[in-house]
Protein backbone atom coordinates (compact mmCIF):
# COMPACT_ATOMS: atom_id res chain seq x y z
CA MET A 1 93.28 21.61 -3.20
CA ILE A 2 90.74 24.03 -1.36
CA LYS A 3 93.37 27.50 -0.22
CA VAL A 4 92.25 28.22 3.15
CA LEU A 5 93.80 31.56 4.79
CA ILE A 6 93.64 32.11 8.52
CA ALA A 7 94.22 35.99 8.45
CA ASP A 8 94.33 37.02 12.18
CA GLY A 9 95.99 33.85 13.71
CA LEU A 10 93.93 30.06 15.45
CA ALA A 11 94.64 28.22 17.97
CA ALA A 12 97.42 25.83 17.08
CA GLU A 13 95.33 23.12 17.89
CA GLY A 14 92.91 24.07 15.00
CA ILE A 15 95.17 24.74 12.27
CA THR A 16 97.16 21.21 13.22
CA LYS A 17 93.35 20.02 12.48
CA LEU A 18 93.31 22.13 9.28
CA LYS A 19 96.90 20.63 7.92
CA ALA A 20 96.14 17.19 8.12
CA SER A 21 93.45 17.43 5.69
CA LYS A 22 94.49 16.71 2.99
CA GLN A 23 92.11 19.23 0.54
CA VAL A 24 93.42 22.50 2.23
CA GLU A 25 96.34 24.59 1.30
CA LEU A 26 96.66 26.11 3.90
CA MET A 27 97.76 30.28 4.32
CA GLU A 28 98.68 31.31 8.08
CA TYR A 29 99.12 34.64 9.07
CA ALA A 30 98.80 35.77 13.12
CA ALA A 31 97.55 39.42 11.69
CA ILE A 32 97.91 39.89 8.17
CA GLU A 33 98.05 43.57 6.57
CA ARG A 34 94.53 44.78 4.35
CA ASP A 35 97.02 45.65 1.67
CA LYS A 36 98.31 42.12 1.45
CA LEU A 37 94.81 40.52 2.00
CA PHE A 38 94.05 42.38 -1.28
CA GLU A 39 96.44 41.10 -2.67
CA ILE A 40 95.96 37.65 -2.56
CA LEU A 41 92.28 37.69 -1.73
CA PRO A 42 91.33 36.77 -5.37
CA MET A 43 92.80 33.17 -4.89
CA ILE A 44 91.13 32.37 -1.73
CA ASP A 45 88.00 29.79 -1.43
CA ILE A 46 87.68 30.07 2.18
CA LEU A 47 88.93 33.07 5.01
CA ILE A 48 88.54 32.72 8.19
CA VAL A 49 88.99 35.71 10.76
CA ARG A 50 89.32 36.75 14.13
CA SER A 51 88.10 40.49 15.38
CA ARG A 52 90.60 42.28 13.40
CA THR A 53 90.60 42.26 9.63
CA GLN A 54 87.16 43.84 8.65
CA VAL A 55 85.01 41.85 5.64
CA ASP A 56 83.08 44.22 4.28
CA ARG A 57 81.66 45.02 1.40
CA GLU A 58 85.07 46.72 -0.49
CA LEU A 59 86.57 42.79 0.45
CA MET A 60 83.73 42.04 -1.10
CA GLU A 61 83.83 43.22 -3.97
CA ARG A 62 87.37 41.63 -4.56
CA VAL A 63 86.44 38.09 -4.39
CA LYS A 64 86.90 35.60 -7.33
CA ASN A 65 87.18 31.79 -6.10
CA LEU A 66 85.27 33.33 -2.40
CA LYS A 67 82.76 30.32 -0.90
CA LEU A 68 82.96 31.01 2.83
CA VAL A 69 84.07 33.07 5.27
CA VAL A 70 84.10 31.52 8.73
CA ARG A 71 84.36 34.67 12.00
CA ALA A 72 86.99 32.43 15.05
CA GLY A 73 84.19 33.78 17.47
CA ILE A 74 80.43 34.51 18.46
CA GLY A 75 80.85 37.87 16.94
CA LEU A 76 79.79 38.84 13.92
CA ASP A 77 80.61 43.39 13.80
CA ASN A 78 83.74 43.12 11.59
CA ILE A 79 81.97 40.85 8.93
CA ASP A 80 79.47 42.44 6.44
CA ILE A 81 77.03 39.35 5.96
CA GLU A 82 74.85 41.68 3.76
CA ALA A 83 77.66 41.91 0.87
CA ALA A 84 79.27 38.26 2.11
CA THR A 85 75.28 37.06 0.56
CA ALA A 86 75.00 39.16 -2.01
CA HIS A 87 78.76 38.18 -3.82
CA GLY A 88 77.70 34.24 -2.93
CA VAL A 89 79.34 34.03 0.09
CA VAL A 90 78.35 32.08 3.06
CA VAL A 91 79.05 33.21 6.86
CA MET A 92 79.80 30.70 9.84
CA ASN A 93 80.69 31.23 13.07
CA ALA A 94 81.90 29.23 15.86
CA PRO A 95 79.76 30.07 18.57
CA THR A 96 79.54 27.45 21.51
CA GLY A 97 83.72 27.90 22.24
CA ASN A 98 83.25 30.93 24.87
CA ILE A 99 79.86 30.21 26.62
CA VAL A 100 81.63 28.82 29.73
CA THR A 101 84.60 31.54 29.81
CA THR A 102 81.65 34.37 29.01
CA ALA A 103 79.86 33.33 31.82
CA GLU A 104 83.18 32.69 34.28
CA HIS A 105 83.88 35.81 33.65
CA THR A 106 80.40 37.11 34.63
CA LEU A 107 81.23 35.29 38.09
CA ALA A 108 84.49 36.38 38.28
CA MET A 109 83.54 40.05 38.21
CA MET A 110 81.15 39.60 40.40
CA PHE A 111 83.36 38.08 42.97
CA THR A 112 85.74 40.92 42.06
CA ILE A 113 83.47 44.42 43.10
CA SER A 114 82.18 42.63 46.33
CA ARG A 115 85.32 41.57 48.13
CA HIS A 116 87.29 44.53 46.72
CA ILE A 117 89.83 42.67 45.15
CA ALA A 118 90.92 45.12 42.40
CA GLU A 119 90.99 47.82 45.13
CA ALA A 120 92.82 45.57 47.59
CA ASP A 121 95.44 44.41 45.35
CA ALA A 122 96.03 48.38 44.35
CA SER A 123 96.56 49.12 48.00
CA LEU A 124 98.79 46.83 49.38
CA LYS A 125 101.02 47.23 45.97
CA THR A 126 101.54 50.70 47.51
CA GLY A 127 102.62 49.01 50.72
CA LYS A 128 99.36 49.49 52.40
CA TRP A 129 97.34 47.25 54.42
CA GLU A 130 94.14 48.38 54.81
CA LYS A 131 91.99 45.02 56.32
CA LYS A 132 88.92 47.04 57.80
CA LYS A 133 88.52 49.26 54.79
CA PHE A 134 87.82 45.79 52.30
CA GLN A 135 85.53 44.22 53.67
CA GLY A 136 83.44 42.45 51.74
CA ASN A 137 80.19 40.79 50.67
CA GLU A 138 79.37 37.17 50.32
CA LEU A 139 77.75 35.73 47.31
CA ARG A 140 75.72 33.13 49.13
CA GLY A 141 72.32 34.28 49.52
CA LYS A 142 72.44 37.06 47.57
CA THR A 143 69.81 37.54 44.59
CA LEU A 144 70.69 37.90 40.52
CA GLY A 145 69.54 39.14 37.89
CA LEU A 146 69.85 37.95 34.31
CA VAL A 147 68.61 40.20 31.49
CA GLY A 148 69.14 37.68 28.79
CA LEU A 149 68.30 33.80 29.01
CA GLY A 150 70.51 32.49 26.42
CA ASN A 151 73.40 30.36 26.45
CA ILE A 152 75.50 31.86 28.09
CA GLY A 153 72.71 33.47 30.61
CA LYS A 154 72.07 30.09 31.72
CA ALA A 155 75.80 29.14 32.22
CA VAL A 156 75.88 32.19 34.51
CA ALA A 157 72.77 30.97 35.95
CA GLU A 158 73.66 27.02 36.48
CA ARG A 159 76.89 28.47 38.03
CA ALA A 160 75.44 30.62 40.75
CA LEU A 161 72.73 28.27 41.53
CA ALA A 162 76.01 26.71 42.70
CA LEU A 163 76.97 29.38 45.14
CA GLY A 164 73.84 29.30 46.95
CA MET A 165 72.53 32.53 45.09
CA ARG A 166 68.72 32.92 43.69
CA VAL A 167 68.61 33.96 39.99
CA LEU A 168 65.90 36.03 38.63
CA GLY A 169 65.65 35.97 34.74
CA PHE A 170 63.37 38.07 32.65
CA ASP A 171 63.82 37.18 28.67
CA PRO A 172 60.51 37.88 26.92
CA TYR A 173 61.14 34.74 24.68
CA ILE A 174 61.44 32.23 27.29
CA SER A 175 58.40 30.34 29.08
CA GLU A 176 57.82 29.89 32.64
CA GLU A 177 58.14 26.26 32.12
CA THR A 178 61.17 26.37 30.92
CA ALA A 179 62.63 28.71 33.54
CA ALA A 180 61.52 26.91 36.13
CA LYS A 181 63.39 24.49 34.80
CA GLN A 182 66.79 25.56 35.47
CA ASN A 183 65.44 26.87 38.89
CA ILE A 184 65.13 30.38 37.39
CA ARG A 185 62.28 32.91 38.51
CA LEU A 186 61.57 35.02 35.70
CA VAL A 187 60.13 38.02 36.08
CA GLY A 188 59.49 41.52 34.32
CA PHE A 189 62.46 43.35 33.66
CA GLU A 190 61.07 46.16 36.38
CA ASN A 191 60.79 43.87 38.81
CA LEU A 192 63.80 42.50 38.34
CA LEU A 193 65.96 45.74 38.40
CA GLN A 194 63.92 46.18 42.12
CA GLN A 195 64.65 42.91 43.23
CA SER A 196 67.94 42.08 42.41
CA ASP A 197 71.61 42.52 44.68
CA TYR A 198 73.10 42.29 40.90
CA VAL A 199 72.05 42.42 37.39
CA SER A 200 74.09 40.86 34.51
CA LEU A 201 73.17 41.57 31.22
CA HIS A 202 73.10 38.54 28.22
CA VAL A 203 71.94 39.59 25.22
CA PRO A 204 72.70 41.34 21.97
CA LEU A 205 73.38 44.60 21.06
CA THR A 206 69.91 45.77 19.15
CA ALA A 207 68.14 49.02 18.12
CA ASP A 208 65.96 47.91 21.37
CA THR A 209 68.71 47.41 23.99
CA LYS A 210 70.35 50.01 22.59
CA HIS A 211 71.17 52.58 26.57
CA LEU A 212 68.39 49.46 28.17
CA ILE A 213 69.96 50.71 31.02
CA ASP A 214 69.60 54.22 31.31
CA ARG A 215 68.53 56.57 34.33
CA ALA A 216 65.25 55.33 34.41
CA ALA A 217 66.65 51.69 34.86
CA LEU A 218 69.52 52.36 37.06
CA LYS A 219 67.02 54.72 39.23
CA LYS A 220 64.86 51.63 39.47
CA MET A 221 67.77 49.44 40.68
CA ARG A 222 68.09 48.23 44.15
CA LYS A 223 70.22 51.15 46.48
CA GLY A 224 73.26 49.52 46.95
CA ALA A 225 73.56 47.22 44.20
CA TYR A 226 75.97 46.05 41.49
CA LEU A 227 75.55 45.60 37.71
CA ILE A 228 77.70 43.61 35.21
CA ASN A 229 78.12 43.85 31.70
CA CYS A 230 80.13 41.28 29.95
CA ALA A 231 77.46 41.18 26.67
CA ARG A 232 78.25 44.35 24.47
CA GLY A 233 79.15 47.42 24.93
CA GLY A 234 76.19 50.39 24.46
CA ILE A 235 73.53 48.23 26.20
CA VAL A 236 74.33 50.84 29.10
CA ASP A 237 74.28 54.26 29.06
CA GLU A 238 77.63 55.14 30.53
CA GLU A 239 77.15 58.67 31.70
CA ALA A 240 73.79 57.64 33.33
CA LEU A 241 75.89 54.61 35.48
CA VAL A 242 78.16 56.78 36.14
CA GLU A 243 76.31 59.11 37.46
CA SER A 244 74.41 56.53 39.66
CA ILE A 245 77.69 55.24 41.36
CA ASP A 246 78.42 59.02 42.13
CA THR A 247 75.72 59.86 44.32
CA GLY A 248 75.68 56.40 45.42
CA HIS A 249 72.72 54.65 44.34
CA LEU A 250 74.78 51.37 43.04
CA SER A 251 77.64 50.43 45.30
CA GLY A 252 79.59 49.49 41.64
CA CYS A 253 79.84 47.86 38.50
CA ALA A 254 82.65 45.65 36.71
CA LEU A 255 82.35 46.54 33.08
CA ASP A 256 83.89 44.03 29.85
CA VAL A 257 82.78 45.61 27.19
CA PHE A 258 82.31 49.91 25.90
CA GLU A 259 80.05 52.23 24.00
CA LYS A 260 83.90 52.59 22.67
CA GLU A 261 86.23 50.30 22.26
CA PRO A 262 89.20 50.30 23.02
CA LEU A 263 88.06 52.93 25.95
CA PRO A 264 89.94 56.45 25.87
CA LEU A 265 92.15 57.02 28.93
CA ASP A 266 89.72 60.16 30.19
CA SER A 267 86.49 57.95 30.39
CA PRO A 268 85.07 58.93 33.93
CA LEU A 269 84.85 55.18 33.77
CA LEU A 270 88.51 54.36 34.96
CA LYS A 271 88.57 57.05 37.01
CA ARG A 272 85.88 55.54 39.73
CA SER A 273 87.80 52.70 42.71
CA ASN A 274 83.95 51.01 42.28
CA ILE A 275 83.86 50.72 38.42
CA VAL A 276 86.22 47.65 37.75
CA THR A 277 86.73 47.17 34.41
CA THR A 278 88.63 44.36 31.52
CA PRO A 279 89.52 45.49 28.01
CA HIS A 280 87.03 42.89 26.47
CA LEU A 281 88.20 39.80 28.02
CA GLY A 282 84.88 37.90 28.21
CA ALA A 283 86.50 35.47 25.55
CA SER A 284 89.51 35.39 26.33
CA THR A 285 91.09 32.47 27.51
CA ASP A 286 93.60 29.69 26.54
CA GLU A 287 91.11 26.66 27.13
CA ALA A 288 88.17 29.37 24.74
CA GLN A 289 90.71 30.04 21.85
CA ILE A 290 91.36 25.95 21.93
CA GLN A 291 87.47 25.27 21.75
CA VAL A 292 87.18 28.30 18.98
CA GLY A 293 90.07 26.96 16.56
CA LEU A 294 88.89 22.93 16.85
CA GLU A 295 85.29 24.72 15.98
CA VAL A 296 86.78 26.38 13.07
CA ALA A 297 88.51 23.99 11.91
CA GLU A 298 85.82 21.28 11.99
CA GLN A 299 83.10 23.03 10.03
CA VAL A 300 85.44 24.18 7.58
CA ILE A 301 86.02 20.96 6.85
CA GLN A 302 83.02 19.27 7.04
CA PHE A 303 81.74 22.44 3.98
CA ILE A 304 84.81 21.42 1.93
CA GLN A 305 84.26 17.17 2.04
CA GLU A 306 80.41 17.23 2.72
CA GLY A 307 79.16 20.63 2.25
CA VAL A 308 77.36 20.68 5.05
CA LEU A 309 76.96 24.47 6.68
CA LYS A 310 76.71 24.15 10.33
CA ASN A 311 76.45 27.26 12.43
CA ALA A 312 75.65 29.04 8.85
CA VAL A 313 73.88 32.72 9.38
CA ASN A 314 73.27 33.78 6.02
CA VAL A 315 72.03 30.71 4.70
CA PRO A 316 70.39 27.35 5.51
CA ASN A 317 71.87 23.80 5.83
CA ILE A 318 71.47 23.35 1.37
CA THR A 319 73.75 23.19 -1.26
CA LEU A 320 74.68 26.06 -2.95
CA GLU A 321 72.53 24.80 -6.07
CA GLN A 322 69.75 24.76 -4.33
CA LEU A 323 70.42 28.17 -3.00
CA GLY A 324 70.57 29.88 -6.00
CA VAL A 325 67.04 29.07 -6.84
CA LEU A 326 65.60 29.40 -3.28
CA LYS A 327 67.05 32.92 -2.53
CA PRO A 328 64.82 35.04 -3.57
CA TYR A 329 62.09 33.41 -1.08
CA LEU A 330 64.57 33.03 1.67
CA SER A 331 64.89 36.57 2.26
CA LEU A 332 61.14 37.04 1.92
CA CYS A 333 60.60 34.64 4.84
CA GLU A 334 63.71 36.41 6.86
CA ARG A 335 62.09 39.94 6.54
CA LEU A 336 58.33 38.68 7.05
CA GLY A 337 59.86 36.75 10.10
CA SER A 338 61.89 39.93 11.29
CA PHE A 339 58.40 42.05 10.57
CA VAL A 340 56.23 40.26 12.41
CA ALA A 341 58.34 39.82 15.51
CA GLN A 342 58.92 43.97 15.55
CA ILE A 343 55.24 44.72 15.22
CA ALA A 344 54.04 41.81 17.63
CA HIS A 345 54.11 42.17 21.19
CA PRO A 346 56.76 39.33 22.21
CA ASN A 347 55.22 38.45 25.89
CA HIS A 348 53.40 35.08 25.70
CA ILE A 349 53.58 34.00 22.36
CA ARG A 350 52.25 30.76 21.83
CA ARG A 351 52.18 29.68 18.09
CA LEU A 352 53.73 30.77 15.07
CA LYS A 353 52.20 28.98 11.81
CA VAL A 354 53.42 29.35 8.61
CA HIS A 355 51.91 28.58 5.42
CA TYR A 356 52.70 28.21 1.99
CA GLU A 357 50.79 28.65 -1.34
CA GLY A 358 51.47 28.20 -4.97
CA ALA A 359 54.69 26.99 -6.40
CA ILE A 360 56.45 27.91 -3.68
CA SER A 361 54.29 25.09 -1.18
CA SER A 362 56.24 22.27 -2.94
CA SER A 363 59.95 23.99 -2.45
CA HIS A 364 62.01 22.71 0.17
CA ARG A 365 59.74 23.94 3.11
CA GLU A 366 61.77 23.03 5.76
CA ILE A 367 64.74 25.48 5.12
CA LEU A 368 61.68 28.15 4.06
CA THR A 369 59.82 27.85 7.14
CA LEU A 370 63.49 27.74 9.12
CA SER A 371 64.16 31.33 7.28
CA VAL A 372 61.50 32.91 9.34
CA LEU A 373 62.60 31.47 12.46
CA LYS A 374 65.48 33.04 11.61
CA GLY A 375 64.27 36.19 10.99
CA PHE A 376 61.56 35.69 13.78
CA LEU A 377 64.70 35.45 16.88
CA THR A 378 67.36 37.38 15.61
CA PRO A 379 65.90 41.06 16.44
CA LEU A 380 64.86 39.43 19.50
CA LEU A 381 68.22 37.13 20.73
CA SER A 382 71.74 37.50 22.20
CA THR A 383 71.85 33.84 21.10
CA PRO A 384 73.53 33.41 17.58
CA VAL A 385 70.44 32.17 15.59
CA ASN A 386 71.24 30.29 12.95
CA PHE A 387 70.01 27.45 10.79
CA VAL A 388 70.82 24.17 12.76
CA ASN A 389 69.73 26.39 16.52
CA ALA A 390 66.43 27.87 15.64
CA ARG A 391 63.76 25.29 15.93
CA ASN A 392 65.99 24.59 19.28
CA LEU A 393 64.99 28.24 20.72
CA MET A 394 61.64 28.18 19.55
CA LYS A 395 60.59 25.31 21.66
CA GLU A 396 62.49 26.45 24.56
CA ARG A 397 60.67 29.40 24.74
CA GLY A 398 57.48 27.16 24.60
CA ILE A 399 56.28 28.88 21.33
CA ARG A 400 54.93 25.62 18.52
CA ILE A 401 55.52 25.91 14.98
CA GLU A 402 52.94 24.60 12.66
CA GLU A 403 53.71 24.51 8.89
CA SER A 404 50.77 23.49 6.06
CA SER A 405 50.68 23.67 2.53
CA ASP A 406 48.19 24.55 -0.47
CA ASP A 407 49.15 23.98 -4.10
CA GLN A 408 46.75 26.15 -5.44
CA CYS A 409 47.31 30.19 -4.62
CA ALA A 410 44.30 32.69 -5.75
CA ASP A 411 45.91 36.25 -6.86
CA TYR A 412 49.84 35.32 -6.73
CA ALA A 413 52.47 32.41 -8.39
CA SER A 414 53.12 31.85 -4.82
CA LEU A 415 52.66 33.29 -1.14
CA VAL A 416 54.00 32.89 1.97
CA GLU A 417 51.71 33.71 5.04
CA ILE A 418 52.88 34.13 8.83
CA THR A 419 50.45 33.93 11.64
CA LEU A 420 51.76 34.51 15.39
CA GLU A 421 49.04 33.78 18.07
CA GLY A 422 48.98 34.63 21.81
CA ALA A 423 48.47 37.64 23.93
CA GLU A 424 47.37 39.08 20.35
CA THR A 425 47.04 37.72 17.02
CA LEU A 426 48.56 39.18 13.75
CA THR A 427 49.04 37.65 10.49
CA CYS A 428 51.43 38.65 7.76
CA SER A 429 51.59 37.78 4.19
CA GLY A 430 54.55 37.96 1.43
CA THR A 431 55.32 37.22 -1.71
CA ILE A 432 57.69 37.97 -4.83
CA PHE A 433 56.92 40.53 -7.62
CA GLY A 434 59.38 39.88 -10.70
CA LYS A 435 62.31 37.27 -10.08
CA GLU A 436 63.57 38.46 -6.69
CA GLU A 437 61.46 41.86 -5.23
CA SER A 438 60.23 40.80 -1.74
CA ARG A 439 56.88 42.26 -1.20
CA ILE A 440 53.93 42.32 1.58
CA VAL A 441 50.62 41.98 0.28
CA SER A 442 48.53 41.78 3.70
CA ILE A 443 48.73 42.83 7.52
CA ASP A 444 45.96 41.17 9.68
CA HIS A 445 42.71 42.08 7.55
CA PHE A 446 44.52 44.89 5.50
CA SER A 447 45.49 44.52 2.14
CA ILE A 448 49.21 46.57 1.44
CA ASP A 449 51.76 46.09 -1.16
CA ALA A 450 55.38 47.18 0.80
CA VAL A 451 58.77 46.96 0.20
CA PRO A 452 60.23 44.86 3.63
CA GLU A 453 63.33 47.04 3.73
CA GLY A 454 65.72 49.44 5.49
CA TYR A 455 64.15 51.26 8.50
CA LEU A 456 60.25 51.78 8.40
CA LEU A 457 57.11 53.01 10.28
CA PHE A 458 54.23 50.63 10.51
CA THR A 459 50.89 52.92 12.06
CA LYS A 460 47.53 52.01 12.45
CA ASN A 461 45.28 55.75 12.50
CA VAL A 462 41.75 56.03 12.69
CA ASP A 463 40.30 56.19 8.87
CA GLN A 464 39.28 59.92 8.79
CA PRO A 465 40.95 63.12 6.49
CA GLY A 466 44.03 64.33 7.48
CA VAL A 467 46.24 61.85 9.56
CA ILE A 468 48.50 61.08 6.80
CA GLY A 469 48.94 64.80 5.80
CA SER A 470 50.07 65.54 9.56
CA MET A 471 52.29 62.42 9.39
CA GLY A 472 54.28 63.04 5.94
CA THR A 473 54.70 66.94 7.57
CA LEU A 474 55.87 66.07 11.16
CA LEU A 475 57.84 63.59 9.44
CA GLY A 476 59.73 66.56 6.97
CA THR A 477 59.77 69.10 9.85
CA ARG A 478 62.34 66.85 11.62
CA GLY A 479 63.68 65.85 8.90
CA ILE A 480 62.90 62.33 7.30
CA ASN A 481 62.76 61.52 3.44
CA ILE A 482 59.66 59.46 3.23
CA ALA A 483 61.68 56.97 0.39
CA ARG A 484 57.93 55.08 -0.52
CA MET A 485 54.33 54.73 1.51
CA HIS A 486 51.79 51.90 1.10
CA LEU A 487 48.26 52.66 2.83
CA GLY A 488 45.73 49.65 3.42
CA ARG A 489 42.11 50.62 5.12
CA ASP A 490 39.57 48.48 6.56
CA LYS A 491 36.13 50.70 5.47
CA GLU A 492 33.92 48.89 8.08
CA LYS A 493 35.97 49.40 11.17
CA SER A 494 36.96 52.93 9.85
CA GLN A 495 40.97 52.35 10.56
CA ALA A 496 43.89 52.62 7.84
CA ILE A 497 47.54 51.67 8.19
CA ALA A 498 50.53 52.33 6.12
CA LEU A 499 53.74 50.79 5.82
CA ILE A 500 56.59 53.43 5.35
CA ASN A 501 60.03 53.49 3.98
CA VAL A 502 62.03 56.50 5.47
CA ASP A 503 65.69 57.10 4.47
CA SER A 504 67.03 57.50 7.99
CA LYS A 505 65.57 56.25 11.26
CA ALA A 506 63.21 58.54 13.62
CA ASP A 507 64.37 59.29 17.38
CA SER A 508 62.12 58.49 20.01
CA GLU A 509 60.86 61.65 19.95
CA THR A 510 59.74 62.14 16.62
CA LEU A 511 58.05 58.41 16.66
CA GLU A 512 56.22 60.14 20.65
CA LEU A 513 55.13 63.19 18.47
CA LEU A 514 53.49 60.61 15.24
CA ARG A 515 52.02 58.73 18.53
CA LYS A 516 49.84 61.80 19.58
CA THR A 517 49.36 62.70 16.10
CA LYS A 518 45.08 63.26 16.11
CA GLY A 519 43.79 59.94 14.46
CA MET A 520 46.71 58.09 15.40
CA LEU A 521 46.47 54.28 16.99
CA SER A 522 49.72 53.21 17.05
CA VAL A 523 53.25 53.20 15.79
CA LYS A 524 56.44 51.03 15.78
CA GLN A 525 59.72 51.11 14.03
CA ILE A 526 61.19 48.42 11.93
CA LYS A 527 64.59 47.70 10.47
CA LEU A 528 65.01 44.97 7.95
């Protein structure tokens, strides 16, 4: 019998499906306390959680039999995926159950701010009849700008088009052809802000999207426009947003997510009548919870009966025995994919090539390529990326994938090389040192020996005296410690590169100062 623990409750339909499996011994809790969870965790094979239970490193250190953690929903903020992977625990989520409900909540928020529904309701309940005061606007004929065209963004677009809206989209990884098929006109970010009556956000919270909607972005929005955020808190600079509302530049906004949750009672967001707020209700419908429950139950049963890893976020669709052999190369491939995604210009990428040399050329190349694609897409998309959907997500974005191999490798036992072709061409190669240490050994025509982990600074400079010294001095004065520095040079072009492992993230001011260093050609920050 496989012992399955539900820690935070699950829809009755999902529980019934799990109980119907003769291989499952089910333990149910609506909200298990952490001490109790730690007590019974050593005997558990599969753990099902929602957002309440923290599956962190402390928890992972207490596991004995745990093979699988399933998040009943799309978000993985409460799961330490790195710790789970280190302990050989597969992590899955249920990404499709809340697509429709989040899209519908976005539309509901748009209707609410357009027709002053919340204000009118509050006024009427105080005995007032202020019909003229709450005259609103139709959505028909208005322009909706969608920042992010993943599954939820596309679902919002479909419904907005049915309402007679004009839909613009910004997503660097969606091709114009793919967007046009859905009657979405792809535009640049600034153009979207300037042309839209409503701007709705559908991107993940990453280093690149943190405060994507800041003061500068808000000033570029059309005067009288509305902002909707049902994605993630932190994408919007809330202080700047309140200023934009108070000055009258924006007519209003609707927020389901916040930088700090629960939202503090003294938040200025709660004190403006034209700011509509809901307590992270995007996925909170009966239908969505049922769908998520059934999705989770199906994934668990497939895992038990067939070893299928559906919607896994940290391992591909292979057996656990194969995973043990391939793990170092899966990690290398994912890091290489993430690295090139973060240093390349994302626009107009046409082709991604993966080339294998040496011993690895005959070992599960399909799975390794999926690891590259997962690494490449994850820092860029709001859509959950896994080994099941990675190829389709690349196809939707018009990026062709090519794979090649050579059983001979001149310098290493095995080598993985990734080439991006588009507005620019970029090549990066990596290998494994020892048993499992990932290394980047080439970036374009520069030879290098770098460890791809943590925060890194990738710089390109004129090959002249003083540049590296100035860079080190600057980082030191800014309180950023250099853990490792790896250099490469091209004497013919008189250029050099550096890949610097640092102990902490460099802020935007530090990056700008680095870019202004004499002889510096480019600086990019990477998180692996």
